[in-house]
Protein backbone atom coordinates (compact mmCIF):
# COMPACT_ATOMS: atom_id res chain seq x y z
CA MET A 1 0.00 0.00 0.00
CA GLY A 2 1.04 3.61 -0.53
CA ARG A 3 1.89 6.70 1.43
CA ILE A 4 -0.79 9.33 0.81
CA SER A 5 -0.98 13.02 1.61
CA VAL A 6 -4.38 14.69 1.87
CA ILE A 7 -4.31 18.47 1.47
CA GLY A 8 -7.00 20.04 3.63
CA SER A 9 -9.10 18.84 6.58
CA GLY A 10 -12.57 19.86 5.48
CA PHE A 11 -15.39 17.35 5.04
CA SER A 12 -14.08 15.95 1.75
CA GLY A 13 -10.48 15.74 2.96
CA LEU A 14 -11.33 13.93 6.20
CA THR A 15 -13.66 11.60 4.34
CA ALA A 16 -10.95 10.73 1.82
CA ALA A 17 -8.41 10.19 4.61
CA CYS A 18 -10.70 7.76 6.44
CA ALA A 19 -11.49 5.84 3.24
CA LEU A 20 -7.83 5.55 2.24
CA ALA A 21 -6.85 4.36 5.72
CA ARG A 22 -9.54 1.69 5.49
CA TYR A 23 -7.97 0.54 2.21
CA GLY A 24 -4.71 0.10 4.13
CA HIS A 25 -2.75 3.17 3.04
CA ASP A 26 -0.49 5.29 5.25
CA VAL A 27 -2.32 8.63 5.31
CA THR A 28 -1.31 12.11 6.47
CA VAL A 29 -3.64 15.13 6.42
CA LEU A 30 -1.96 18.52 5.97
CA GLU A 31 -4.10 21.49 7.04
CA LYS A 32 -3.07 25.07 6.27
CA ASN A 33 -5.05 26.63 9.13
CA ASP A 34 -4.51 26.14 12.85
CA THR A 35 -7.70 24.14 13.36
CA ILE A 36 -9.37 21.35 11.39
CA GLY A 37 -12.61 21.58 9.47
CA GLY A 38 -11.92 23.75 6.45
CA ARG A 39 -14.97 25.91 5.89
CA ALA A 40 -16.57 24.07 8.80
CA ARG A 41 -14.12 25.52 11.31
CA VAL A 42 -15.30 26.57 14.75
CA LEU A 43 -14.82 29.99 16.38
CA ARG A 44 -14.88 30.21 20.19
CA GLU A 45 -14.94 33.63 21.82
CA LYS A 46 -16.31 35.01 25.11
CA GLY A 47 -18.25 31.85 25.90
CA PHE A 48 -19.83 31.62 22.41
CA THR A 49 -19.24 28.76 19.98
CA PHE A 50 -19.82 29.72 16.35
CA ASP A 51 -19.92 27.40 13.36
CA MET A 52 -18.00 29.49 10.84
CA GLY A 53 -19.46 27.83 7.74
CA PRO A 54 -22.13 25.15 7.16
CA SER A 55 -25.05 25.29 9.55
CA TRP A 56 -27.67 23.01 7.91
CA TYR A 57 -27.76 19.26 8.55
CA TRP A 58 -29.80 17.66 5.78
CA MET A 59 -29.64 14.20 4.16
CA PRO A 60 -28.77 12.31 7.38
CA ASP A 61 -28.62 9.08 5.38
CA VAL A 62 -25.38 10.24 3.70
CA PHE A 63 -23.69 10.75 7.09
CA GLU A 64 -24.92 7.38 8.32
CA GLN A 65 -23.69 5.65 5.17
CA PHE A 66 -20.28 7.23 5.64
CA PHE A 67 -19.85 6.14 9.26
CA GLY A 68 -21.46 2.79 8.43
CA ARG A 69 -18.60 1.96 6.05
CA PHE A 70 -16.37 1.78 9.12
CA GLY A 71 -18.78 -0.17 11.29
CA LYS A 72 -19.77 3.00 13.13
CA SER A 73 -22.81 5.27 13.37
CA ALA A 74 -23.13 9.02 13.66
CA ASP A 75 -24.52 8.83 17.19
CA GLN A 76 -21.20 7.40 18.38
CA TYR A 77 -19.63 10.79 17.63
CA TYR A 78 -22.35 13.39 18.17
CA GLU A 79 -25.94 13.71 19.34
CA LEU A 80 -28.44 14.57 16.62
CA VAL A 81 -31.73 16.32 17.36
CA GLN A 82 -34.46 17.00 14.83
CA LEU A 83 -35.58 20.61 14.68
CA ASP A 84 -39.30 21.34 14.93
CA PRO A 85 -40.05 23.62 13.17
CA GLY A 86 -37.21 22.75 10.83
CA PHE A 87 -36.95 26.37 9.70
CA GLN A 88 -39.08 29.44 9.07
CA MET A 89 -39.36 31.82 6.14
CA ILE A 90 -40.12 35.41 7.09
CA PHE A 91 -41.91 37.39 4.39
CA GLY A 92 -42.90 40.23 6.72
CA LYS A 93 -43.71 40.99 10.36
CA ASN A 94 -47.02 39.20 10.21
CA ASP A 95 -46.24 36.84 7.37
CA VAL A 96 -44.14 33.91 8.60
CA LEU A 97 -44.20 30.39 7.18
CA LYS A 98 -42.92 27.74 9.59
CA VAL A 99 -42.05 24.29 8.27
CA PRO A 100 -42.96 21.56 10.80
CA ALA A 101 -40.97 18.38 11.32
CA ARG A 102 -43.81 15.92 10.64
CA LEU A 103 -44.76 15.43 7.01
CA ASP A 104 -48.50 15.33 7.75
CA ASP A 105 -48.16 18.73 9.45
CA ILE A 106 -46.30 20.04 6.39
CA TYR A 107 -49.19 18.95 4.18
CA ALA A 108 -51.61 20.78 6.49
CA THR A 109 -49.43 23.91 6.41
CA PHE A 110 -49.39 23.91 2.60
CA GLU A 111 -53.16 23.45 2.46
CA GLN A 112 -53.67 26.45 4.74
CA VAL A 113 -51.63 28.61 2.40
CA GLU A 114 -53.05 27.36 -0.90
CA LYS A 115 -56.11 25.16 -1.32
CA GLY A 116 -55.28 21.89 -3.08
CA SER A 117 -51.55 22.25 -2.50
CA ALA A 118 -51.36 19.34 -0.05
CA ASP A 119 -52.27 16.87 -2.79
CA ASN A 120 -49.91 18.62 -5.19
CA LEU A 121 -47.12 18.38 -2.64
CA LYS A 122 -47.69 14.63 -2.32
CA LYS A 123 -47.37 14.25 -6.09
CA TYR A 124 -44.32 16.52 -6.18
CA LEU A 125 -42.56 14.60 -3.41
CA ALA A 126 -43.32 11.27 -5.05
CA GLU A 127 -41.41 12.47 -8.13
CA ALA A 128 -38.68 13.97 -5.98
CA ARG A 129 -38.31 10.69 -4.08
CA TYR A 130 -37.75 8.85 -7.32
CA LYS A 131 -35.06 11.33 -8.35
CA TYR A 132 -33.42 11.07 -4.94
CA GLU A 133 -33.30 7.27 -4.94
CA ILE A 134 -31.97 7.01 -8.51
CA SER A 135 -29.45 9.81 -8.00
CA MET A 136 -28.13 8.58 -4.67
CA GLY A 137 -28.10 4.96 -5.79
CA ASP A 138 -26.86 5.12 -9.39
CA LEU A 139 -25.47 8.56 -10.16
CA VAL A 140 -23.87 10.51 -7.36
CA TYR A 141 -21.08 8.08 -6.45
CA LYS A 142 -19.68 7.95 -9.99
CA PRO A 143 -16.33 9.66 -10.74
CA CYS A 144 -17.76 11.29 -13.89
CA PHE A 145 -14.78 10.64 -16.16
CA SER A 146 -17.08 9.73 -19.08
CA TRP A 147 -20.76 9.85 -19.99
CA ARG A 148 -20.51 6.08 -20.50
CA GLU A 149 -20.63 5.70 -16.71
CA PHE A 150 -24.29 6.67 -16.83
CA MET A 151 -25.27 4.32 -19.62
CA ASN A 152 -26.92 1.66 -17.45
CA MET A 153 -30.44 0.37 -17.88
CA THR A 154 -31.82 1.91 -14.69
CA VAL A 155 -30.79 5.41 -15.70
CA LEU A 156 -31.63 5.06 -19.38
CA LYS A 157 -35.05 3.54 -18.67
CA HIS A 158 -36.15 6.49 -16.56
CA LEU A 159 -34.04 9.29 -18.01
CA SER A 160 -37.04 11.48 -18.83
CA ARG A 161 -38.28 11.35 -15.23
CA LEU A 162 -34.97 12.71 -13.96
CA SER A 163 -35.86 16.13 -15.46
CA LEU A 164 -32.35 17.10 -16.53
CA LEU A 165 -33.40 19.75 -19.03
CA GLY A 166 -36.09 21.71 -17.19
CA SER A 167 -35.38 24.05 -14.27
CA VAL A 168 -36.31 23.68 -10.63
CA SER A 169 -38.31 26.91 -10.90
CA GLY A 170 -40.35 25.71 -13.86
CA HIS A 171 -40.95 22.37 -12.18
CA VAL A 172 -42.09 23.93 -8.90
CA ARG A 173 -44.53 26.26 -10.63
CA LYS A 174 -46.32 23.33 -12.23
CA TYR A 175 -47.49 22.36 -8.75
CA PHE A 176 -47.79 25.59 -6.72
CA ARG A 177 -49.03 29.13 -7.35
CA ASP A 178 -48.66 30.93 -4.03
CA GLU A 179 -45.33 32.78 -4.13
CA ARG A 180 -44.56 31.85 -0.54
CA LEU A 181 -44.81 28.14 -1.31
CA VAL A 182 -42.81 28.68 -4.49
CA ALA A 183 -40.08 30.39 -2.45
CA LEU A 184 -40.12 27.55 0.08
CA MET A 185 -39.65 24.92 -2.61
CA GLU A 186 -37.05 26.90 -4.57
CA PHE A 187 -34.77 28.05 -1.78
CA PRO A 188 -32.83 24.72 -1.36
CA SER A 189 -31.43 25.42 -4.85
CA LEU A 190 -29.41 28.22 -3.28
CA PHE A 191 -27.33 25.52 -1.55
CA LEU A 192 -26.36 24.38 -5.06
CA GLY A 193 -24.94 27.75 -5.94
CA ALA A 194 -27.53 29.31 -8.25
CA THR A 195 -31.15 30.41 -8.47
CA ALA A 196 -33.88 27.88 -9.17
CA HIS A 197 -34.14 29.19 -12.75
CA ARG A 198 -30.58 27.96 -13.43
CA ILE A 199 -30.62 24.64 -11.56
CA PRO A 200 -31.84 21.48 -13.38
CA ALA A 201 -35.19 20.14 -12.12
CA LEU A 202 -33.38 16.94 -11.15
CA TYR A 203 -32.45 18.79 -7.97
CA SER A 204 -36.03 18.90 -6.77
CA LEU A 205 -34.65 15.86 -4.95
CA MET A 206 -33.45 18.42 -2.40
CA ASN A 207 -37.08 19.04 -1.44
CA TYR A 208 -37.54 15.35 -0.77
CA ALA A 209 -34.50 15.37 1.50
CA SER A 210 -35.44 18.53 3.38
CA LEU A 211 -39.16 17.87 3.85
CA THR A 212 -39.33 14.10 4.34
CA MET A 213 -36.00 13.45 6.12
CA GLY A 214 -36.15 16.59 8.23
CA THR A 215 -33.74 19.27 9.38
CA TRP A 216 -31.33 18.15 12.08
CA TYR A 217 -28.68 19.64 14.35
CA PRO A 218 -25.64 18.02 15.98
CA MET A 219 -25.53 19.22 19.58
CA GLY A 220 -22.45 21.34 20.11
CA GLY A 221 -22.52 22.53 16.51
CA MET A 222 -21.47 21.35 13.07
CA GLY A 223 -17.87 21.22 14.28
CA GLN A 224 -18.82 18.07 16.18
CA ILE A 225 -19.07 16.28 12.84
CA THR A 226 -15.54 17.11 11.71
CA GLU A 227 -14.24 16.35 15.21
CA GLY A 228 -15.94 12.96 15.00
CA MET A 229 -14.49 12.30 11.56
CA ALA A 230 -11.03 13.34 12.74
CA SER A 231 -11.35 11.03 15.75
CA LEU A 232 -12.28 8.15 13.45
CA ALA A 233 -9.38 8.95 11.15
CA ARG A 234 -6.84 9.06 13.98
CA LYS A 235 -8.02 5.73 15.36
CA MET A 236 -7.36 4.30 11.91
CA GLY A 237 -3.80 5.57 11.99
CA VAL A 238 -4.21 8.84 10.06
CA GLU A 239 -1.87 11.64 11.10
CA ILE A 240 -3.40 15.14 11.05
CA HIS A 241 -1.14 18.18 11.07
CA THR A 242 -2.58 21.69 11.44
CA GLY A 243 -0.73 24.91 10.67
CA CYS A 244 1.01 22.93 7.94
CA GLU A 245 0.57 24.61 4.57
CA VAL A 246 1.58 22.78 1.40
CA THR A 247 3.81 24.99 -0.74
CA ARG A 248 4.59 22.79 -3.75
CA LEU A 249 3.84 19.44 -5.39
CA GLU A 250 6.81 17.85 -7.14
CA VAL A 251 6.19 15.67 -10.19
CA SER A 252 8.67 13.05 -11.39
CA GLY A 253 8.18 10.40 -14.07
CA GLY A 254 4.55 11.38 -14.51
CA TYR A 255 3.76 10.80 -10.81
CA CYS A 256 3.32 13.18 -7.90
CA ARG A 257 6.38 12.16 -5.83
CA TYR A 258 6.83 14.84 -3.16
CA VAL A 259 4.66 17.17 -1.11
CA ASN A 260 6.50 20.21 0.19
CA THR A 261 5.44 22.21 3.21
CA LYS A 262 7.25 24.94 5.10
CA GLN A 263 8.24 22.31 7.65
CA HIS A 264 9.39 19.40 5.51
CA ARG A 265 9.46 17.57 2.16
CA GLU A 266 7.52 14.31 2.17
CA ARG A 267 7.86 11.41 -0.28
CA VAL A 268 4.42 10.21 -1.40
CA ASP A 269 2.75 7.72 -3.70
CA GLY A 270 -0.41 9.73 -4.11
CA VAL A 271 -2.16 12.98 -3.20
CA ILE A 272 -5.76 13.95 -2.54
CA ALA A 273 -6.19 17.71 -2.94
CA SER A 274 -9.24 18.87 -1.01
CA GLY A 275 -8.26 22.52 -1.01
CA ASP A 276 -9.52 25.00 -3.57
CA TYR A 277 -9.03 23.29 -6.96
CA HIS A 278 -7.91 26.44 -8.76
CA ALA A 279 -5.45 27.31 -5.99
CA ILE A 280 -3.98 23.80 -5.89
CA GLU A 281 -3.15 24.00 -9.58
CA GLU A 282 -2.13 27.65 -9.65
CA ARG A 283 -0.01 27.69 -6.48
CA LEU A 284 1.38 24.16 -6.21
CA LEU A 285 1.80 22.77 -9.74
CA GLU A 286 3.94 23.83 -12.66
CA GLU A 287 1.76 25.11 -15.50
CA ARG A 288 2.46 22.08 -17.69
CA PHE A 289 0.93 19.77 -15.07
CA ARG A 290 -2.35 21.66 -14.60
CA ASN A 291 -5.69 20.40 -15.86
CA TYR A 292 -7.06 23.89 -16.55
CA ASP A 293 -5.78 27.35 -17.40
CA GLU A 294 -7.00 30.69 -16.08
CA ARG A 295 -9.35 31.22 -19.02
CA TYR A 296 -11.19 28.02 -18.11
CA TRP A 297 -11.82 29.20 -14.55
CA GLN A 298 -12.92 32.63 -15.71
CA GLY A 299 -15.57 30.94 -17.84
CA ARG A 300 -17.08 28.97 -14.96
CA THR A 301 -20.22 29.99 -13.10
CA PHE A 302 -19.29 30.23 -9.45
CA ALA A 303 -21.62 29.99 -6.52
CA PRO A 304 -21.96 33.12 -4.42
CA SER A 305 -19.64 34.43 -1.80
CA CYS A 306 -21.20 35.86 1.33
CA LEU A 307 -20.91 38.42 4.07
CA ILE A 308 -21.18 36.76 7.48
CA PHE A 309 -21.49 38.22 10.94
CA TYR A 310 -20.87 36.15 14.07
CA LEU A 311 -22.65 37.91 16.92
CA GLY A 312 -22.82 37.25 20.63
CA VAL A 313 -25.91 38.96 22.05
CA GLY A 314 -26.21 39.57 25.78
CA LYS A 315 -29.89 38.71 25.98
CA ARG A 316 -32.48 36.40 24.42
CA VAL A 317 -34.03 37.49 21.12
CA LYS A 318 -37.70 36.82 20.43
CA ASN A 319 -39.37 35.71 17.18
CA LEU A 320 -36.32 33.74 16.04
CA ILE A 321 -35.99 29.96 15.84
CA HIS A 322 -32.90 27.93 14.91
CA HIS A 323 -33.04 28.59 11.11
CA ASN A 324 -34.57 31.83 9.83
CA LEU A 325 -34.76 32.88 6.17
CA PHE A 326 -35.63 36.54 5.61
CA PHE A 327 -37.46 36.76 2.29
CA ASP A 328 -39.06 40.13 2.95
CA THR A 329 -37.52 41.71 -0.16
CA SER A 330 -37.20 40.68 -3.81
CA LEU A 331 -35.26 37.46 -4.45
CA GLN A 332 -35.13 38.26 -8.17
CA ARG A 333 -33.49 41.63 -7.57
CA HIS A 334 -30.97 40.26 -5.12
CA ALA A 335 -30.17 37.33 -7.44
CA GLY A 336 -29.65 39.77 -10.29
CA HIS A 337 -27.00 41.54 -8.24
CA ILE A 338 -25.24 38.20 -7.75
CA TYR A 339 -25.44 36.61 -11.20
CA ASP A 340 -26.46 39.16 -13.86
CA THR A 341 -24.79 42.43 -12.86
CA PRO A 342 -22.45 41.53 -9.98
CA GLN A 343 -22.56 44.27 -7.36
CA TRP A 344 -23.31 44.81 -3.70
CA PRO A 345 -27.11 44.41 -3.35
CA ASP A 346 -29.24 47.39 -2.44
CA ASP A 347 -32.02 45.46 -0.70
CA PRO A 348 -30.65 42.03 0.24
CA LEU A 349 -32.25 38.88 1.54
CA PHE A 350 -30.41 37.23 4.41
CA TYR A 351 -30.33 34.20 6.69
CA VAL A 352 -30.03 34.05 10.47
CA CYS A 353 -28.99 30.93 12.36
CA CYS A 354 -29.67 31.05 16.09
CA PRO A 355 -28.39 27.70 17.42
CA SER A 356 -28.73 28.85 21.03
CA LYS A 357 -32.48 28.31 20.60
CA THR A 358 -31.65 24.59 20.44
CA ASP A 359 -28.31 24.22 22.20
CA VAL A 360 -27.51 25.92 25.54
CA THR A 361 -23.79 25.07 25.17
CA VAL A 362 -23.12 27.51 22.31
CA ALA A 363 -23.83 30.71 24.29
CA PRO A 364 -23.60 31.83 27.92
CA GLN A 365 -26.81 31.48 29.93
CA GLY A 366 -29.48 33.99 28.97
CA MET A 367 -27.62 35.04 25.82
CA GLU A 368 -27.99 34.38 22.10
CA ASN A 369 -25.63 33.11 19.39
CA LEU A 370 -26.40 34.69 16.01
CA PHE A 371 -24.91 33.80 12.62
CA ILE A 372 -26.08 36.25 9.94
CA LEU A 373 -25.32 35.49 6.30
CA MET A 374 -25.99 37.63 3.22
CA PRO A 375 -25.18 36.06 -0.19
CA ILE A 376 -23.16 38.25 -2.57
CA ALA A 377 -21.42 37.90 -5.91
CA PRO A 378 -17.88 36.49 -5.75
CA GLY A 379 -15.03 38.86 -6.53
CA LEU A 380 -16.61 42.04 -5.13
CA THR A 381 -14.53 44.75 -3.49
CA ASP A 382 -14.48 43.97 0.22
CA THR A 383 -13.69 46.75 2.71
CA ALA A 384 -14.35 47.38 6.40
CA ASP A 385 -16.60 50.32 5.53
CA ILE A 386 -18.76 48.21 3.21
CA ARG A 387 -19.09 45.46 5.83
CA GLU A 388 -20.12 47.98 8.47
CA LYS A 389 -22.68 49.57 6.16
CA TYR A 390 -24.39 46.24 5.60
CA PHE A 391 -24.09 45.25 9.23
CA HIS A 392 -26.23 48.19 10.26
CA LYS A 393 -28.63 47.60 7.37
CA LEU A 394 -29.16 43.96 8.35
CA ILE A 395 -29.38 44.63 12.08
CA LYS A 396 -32.03 47.28 11.50
CA ARG A 397 -34.08 44.84 9.41
CA LEU A 398 -33.61 42.13 12.02
CA GLU A 399 -34.67 44.43 14.84
CA ASP A 400 -37.77 45.52 12.93
CA LEU A 401 -38.81 41.94 12.22
CA CYS A 402 -38.00 40.72 15.73
CA GLU A 403 -39.68 43.80 17.20
CA GLU A 404 -36.94 44.53 19.70
CA SER A 405 -33.49 46.15 19.99
CA ILE A 406 -30.44 43.99 19.38
CA LEU A 407 -27.57 46.36 18.51
CA PRO A 408 -27.05 47.78 22.06
CA HIS A 409 -26.81 44.22 23.44
CA ILE A 410 -24.09 42.87 21.13
CA ILE A 411 -21.08 41.86 23.25
CA TYR A 412 -19.10 40.06 20.54
CA LYS A 413 -18.93 40.71 16.80
CA LYS A 414 -16.80 39.34 13.97
CA SER A 415 -17.33 39.72 10.23
CA TYR A 416 -16.19 37.39 7.45
CA CYS A 417 -16.31 38.09 3.73
CA VAL A 418 -14.57 37.83 0.35
CA ASN A 419 -11.10 38.76 1.55
CA ASP A 420 -11.28 36.18 4.35
CA PHE A 421 -12.33 33.37 2.01
CA VAL A 422 -9.32 34.22 -0.15
CA LYS A 423 -6.92 34.48 2.80
CA ASP A 424 -8.05 31.37 4.70
CA TYR A 425 -8.94 29.01 1.84
CA TYR A 426 -7.43 30.60 -1.30
CA ALA A 427 -11.01 30.49 -2.59
CA TYR A 428 -11.25 31.60 -6.22
CA LYS A 429 -12.71 35.14 -6.21
CA GLY A 430 -13.60 34.56 -2.58
CA ASN A 431 -16.44 32.19 -3.43
CA ALA A 432 -18.07 30.46 -0.47
CA TYR A 433 -19.72 27.41 -2.03
CA GLY A 434 -17.74 26.32 -5.10
CA LEU A 435 -19.20 25.93 -8.58
CA ALA A 436 -22.89 26.32 -9.26
CA ASN A 437 -24.70 23.09 -10.19
CA THR A 438 -26.00 24.42 -13.49
CA LEU A 439 -26.69 22.04 -16.38
CA ARG A 440 -23.44 23.05 -18.08
CA GLN A 441 -21.53 22.29 -14.87
CA THR A 442 -23.06 18.93 -14.00
CA ALA A 443 -21.38 15.51 -13.81
CA VAL A 444 -18.75 15.10 -16.57
CA LEU A 445 -18.91 18.85 -17.23
CA LYS A 446 -17.42 19.65 -13.82
CA PRO A 447 -13.66 19.97 -13.25
CA SER A 448 -12.27 16.44 -13.25
CA LEU A 449 -11.51 14.52 -10.08
CA ARG A 450 -8.39 13.18 -11.77
CA ASN A 451 -5.33 15.11 -12.83
CA ARG A 452 -4.94 14.00 -16.43
CA LYS A 453 -1.21 14.74 -16.54
CA VAL A 454 -0.03 13.51 -13.15
CA LYS A 455 -0.78 9.97 -11.97
CA GLY A 456 -1.81 9.62 -8.38
CA LEU A 457 -3.13 13.18 -8.02
CA TYR A 458 -6.86 13.53 -7.40
CA TYR A 459 -9.06 16.47 -6.43
CA THR A 460 -12.06 16.45 -4.13
CA GLY A 461 -14.53 18.93 -2.68
CA GLN A 462 -16.94 21.59 -3.84
CA LEU A 463 -15.22 22.47 -7.15
CA THR A 464 -15.50 18.95 -8.53
CA VAL A 465 -18.08 16.15 -8.45
CA PRO A 466 -20.69 15.84 -7.17
CA GLY A 467 -20.83 19.54 -6.20
CA PRO A 468 -21.33 22.04 -3.35
CA GLY A 469 -22.78 21.18 0.04
CA VAL A 470 -21.80 19.03 3.02
CA PRO A 471 -23.31 15.68 1.92
CA PRO A 472 -21.77 16.04 -1.57
CA ALA A 473 -18.41 16.77 0.08
CA LEU A 474 -18.61 13.49 2.01
CA ILE A 475 -19.43 11.68 -1.21
CA SER A 476 -16.69 13.46 -3.15
CA GLY A 477 -14.03 12.37 -0.66
CA GLN A 478 -15.10 8.75 -0.93
CA ILE A 479 -15.06 8.82 -4.74
CA ALA A 480 -11.60 10.40 -4.91
CA ALA A 481 -10.21 7.93 -2.37
CA ARG A 482 -11.53 4.96 -4.33
CA GLN A 483 -10.06 6.24 -7.57
CA LEU A 484 -6.64 6.87 -6.03
CA HIS A 485 -6.68 3.44 -4.39
CA ASN A 486 -7.47 1.82 -7.75
CA THR A 487 -4.59 3.73 -9.32
CA LEU A 488 -2.14 2.46 -6.71
CA LYS A 489 -3.25 -1.18 -6.70
């Protein structure tokens, strides 16, 4: 078996490390930052524990399948609780749509909003279930080196039902008319890096996952997942080094032979690169060994970046639950400022996570932990003045909708935006979520998992297959590990 270096300790990197160790390889994880987790790092300040990145726990089956491959289960590493309501969408002070945990209650909620929509939702979810089962069983674990991988009878027989050519938006509007229900069904597309008009209708499978499987939370925060994965990896013999940035990959005889860090030069048989794909090639590889040039990356459609505020509030805040989506302004206008004419939005939508409503450990007693996120176009000018302008704009909106003062009670505040994504992750244009899952960037049309010029070098994470999001990252790591293992056999 070989000696493998994994660059990055995010979800995909830790997944790949565990899988490679199970195959019998000698695995070392090299993490640039001082703590593990990649975008899922944890910030602890003044008694508050903030998840710096992902905050939604959907598709619990993917996590269970991952741990199950090692004879484990998720509950051996963290305690999961189902949120009820799973989340709420706020369209105005007196116009709030809460999504219950139980499916029968969701049907009743839909019917209250739009007569006949409960039956339509049942039909919609039946189609979405089919897409989910086919995708998760036959499609998503493929390396996507060739379209021939998808030429099996199960996929071909039901290709038309997978709705690859239509959009999520068009599909949703066949079933629902009320704009609030439309927004509810379309918003999961934002996790895929684009608006519902640009995402293939295949991804209505996200509605099946979110509504029938529920919205969950690991007590202690999302960092408990990466800590659990790191614990599993270490028990399997994986070494994890933080504060250990890779500075160069050396290629000899067509193979990646050495990984250089500021501390040492390590002889390897293979590499899994779970850092930013563009940065790995641009910073670590000679030009002749790169899969893609700069023009290629400039032609890709990237998912948004975001402006985030981590706030510790010295009191409880009313009218919030764990997940809160503020849709009280125009989604179309905000999306236009992200995708059509990239600029700072004038009237943005935003999201607030308040995990202290569920978990008393993430904030001091009687206080609140707030994570505020506003999506923006990648590559925007990012200054302290701009951040502060939007901070006050968002806080004012939040105070109006919560009907109480918040600003005077903030005892901790940290912002995070484009410049930080570039500094901490070398993220291309400061993107937060990778490449958008548009039709032209699906499956084989994504950047390849495999370096075509260097044997034993594979990429994983949100810029390659299967795409952005935490469950896809877990899947991506497993695919890349399997391919590297097959190369070294």
